Amino acid sequence: MGNTYCQLEKYEQAIPYLQRGIEAAHHSHDHEFEAKGCFNLGLALESIHHYSDAISAYEKAFNLYQQM
């Protein structure tokens, strides 16, 4: 759902869905899905000019990708 809102450029609406997806992936130990979610969250946050939060999301995605 979050990615769909991103494609529609409705970033504010996408963010809660992306965050829930990241949390679900974390709890199920799906590191790849969690990393992709963090990256997409970073894109959404960057699009609404929340740069420090976007950087944090990108860093989390990077760290998860490094662990795989």
C-alpha atoms as a PDB file:
ATOM      1  CA  MET A   1       0.000   0.000   0.000  1.00  0.00           C
ATOM      2  CA  GLY A   2       2.842   2.363   0.874  1.00  0.00           C
ATOM      3  CA  ASN A   3       4.528   1.868  -2.487  1.00  0.00           C
ATOM      4  CA  THR A   4       1.236   2.515  -4.276  1.00  0.00           C
ATOM      5  CA  TYR A   5       0.847   5.838  -2.486  1.00  0.00           C
ATOM      6  CA  CYS A   6       4.447   6.695  -3.384  1.00  0.00           C
ATOM      7  CA  GLN A   7       3.742   6.012  -7.054  1.00  0.00           C
ATOM      8  CA  LEU A   8       0.769   8.356  -6.785  1.00  0.00           C
ATOM      9  CA  GLU A   9       3.088  10.920  -5.156  1.00  0.00           C
ATOM     10  CA  LYS A  10       1.004  10.860  -1.967  1.00  0.00           C
ATOM     11  CA  TYR A  11       4.022  10.572   0.279  1.00  0.00           C
ATOM     12  CA  GLU A  12       2.370  11.679   3.531  1.00  0.00           C
ATOM     13  CA  GLN A  13      -0.155   8.865   3.146  1.00  0.00           C
ATOM     14  CA  ALA A  14       2.539   6.354   2.189  1.00  0.00           C
ATOM     15  CA  ILE A  15       4.734   6.832   5.247  1.00  0.00           C
ATOM     16  CA  PRO A  16       2.544   5.071   7.873  1.00  0.00           C
ATOM     17  CA  TYR A  17       2.093   2.063   5.577  1.00  0.00           C
ATOM     18  CA  LEU A  18       5.812   1.884   4.878  1.00  0.00           C
ATOM     19  CA  GLN A  19       6.577   2.075   8.596  1.00  0.00           C
ATOM     20  CA  ARG A  20       4.125  -0.735   9.379  1.00  0.00           C
ATOM     21  CA  GLY A  21       5.626  -2.871   6.626  1.00  0.00           C
ATOM     22  CA  ILE A  22       9.127  -2.300   7.996  1.00  0.00           C
ATOM     23  CA  GLU A  23       7.979  -3.254  11.479  1.00  0.00           C
ATOM     24  CA  ALA A  24       6.269  -6.420  10.220  1.00  0.00           C
ATOM     25  CA  ALA A  25       9.357  -7.400   8.230  1.00  0.00           C
ATOM     26  CA  HIS A  26      11.555  -6.803  11.262  1.00  0.00           C
ATOM     27  CA  HIS A  27       9.398  -9.016  13.479  1.00  0.00           C
ATOM     28  CA  SER A  28       9.362 -11.794  10.879  1.00  0.00           C
ATOM     29  CA  HIS A  29      13.148 -11.477  10.331  1.00  0.00           C
ATOM     30  CA  ASP A  30      12.701 -10.696   6.628  1.00  0.00           C
ATOM     31  CA  HIS A  31      15.787  -8.511   6.275  1.00  0.00           C
ATOM     32  CA  GLU A  32      15.443  -8.017   2.528  1.00  0.00           C
ATOM     33  CA  PHE A  33      11.863  -6.721   2.792  1.00  0.00           C
ATOM     34  CA  GLU A  34      12.852  -4.575   5.774  1.00  0.00           C
ATOM     35  CA  ALA A  35      15.763  -3.055   3.838  1.00  0.00           C
ATOM     36  CA  LYS A  36      13.595  -2.328   0.799  1.00  0.00           C
ATOM     37  CA  GLY A  37      10.988  -0.773   3.055  1.00  0.00           C
ATOM     38  CA  CYS A  38      13.573   1.448   4.711  1.00  0.00           C
ATOM     39  CA  PHE A  39      14.857   2.573   1.328  1.00  0.00           C
ATOM     40  CA  ASN A  40      11.337   3.366   0.110  1.00  0.00           C
ATOM     41  CA  LEU A  41      10.619   5.191   3.365  1.00  0.00           C
ATOM     42  CA  GLY A  42      13.741   7.255   2.748  1.00  0.00           C
ATOM     43  CA  LEU A  43      12.479   8.163  -0.715  1.00  0.00           C
ATOM     44  CA  ALA A  44       9.097   9.211   0.673  1.00  0.00           C
ATOM     45  CA  LEU A  45      10.647  11.267   3.467  1.00  0.00           C
ATOM     46  CA  GLU A  46      13.060  12.919   1.053  1.00  0.00           C
ATOM     47  CA  SER A  47      10.149  13.832  -1.225  1.00  0.00           C
ATOM     48  CA  ILE A  48       8.482  15.780   1.581  1.00  0.00           C
ATOM     49  CA  HIS A  49      11.780  17.414   2.565  1.00  0.00           C
ATOM     50  CA  HIS A  50      12.299  15.520   5.837  1.00  0.00           C
ATOM     51  CA  TYR A  51      15.948  15.086   5.026  1.00  0.00           C
ATOM     52  CA  SER A  52      17.366  14.009   8.388  1.00  0.00           C
ATOM     53  CA  ASP A  53      14.706  11.296   8.738  1.00  0.00           C
ATOM     54  CA  ALA A  54      15.334  10.228   5.137  1.00  0.00           C
ATOM     55  CA  ILE A  55      19.053   9.885   5.814  1.00  0.00           C
ATOM     56  CA  SER A  56      18.299   7.728   8.863  1.00  0.00           C
ATOM     57  CA  ALA A  57      16.059   5.472   6.783  1.00  0.00           C
ATOM     58  CA  TYR A  58      18.705   5.187   4.043  1.00  0.00           C
ATOM     59  CA  GLU A  59      21.371   4.355   6.632  1.00  0.00           C
ATOM     60  CA  LYS A  60      19.190   1.639   8.131  1.00  0.00           C
ATOM     61  CA  ALA A  61      18.592   0.189   4.656  1.00  0.00           C
ATOM     62  CA  PHE A  62      22.331   0.301   3.921  1.00  0.00           C
ATOM     63  CA  ASN A  63      23.161  -1.489   7.179  1.00  0.00           C
ATOM     64  CA  LEU A  64      20.577  -4.177   6.522  1.00  0.00           C
ATOM     65  CA  TYR A  65      21.890  -4.730   2.980  1.00  0.00           C
ATOM     66  CA  GLN A  66      25.433  -5.037   4.348  1.00  0.00           C
ATOM     67  CA  GLN A  67      24.290  -7.752   6.771  1.00  0.00           C
ATOM     68  CA  MET A  68      22.808  -9.867   3.965  1.00  0.00           C
END
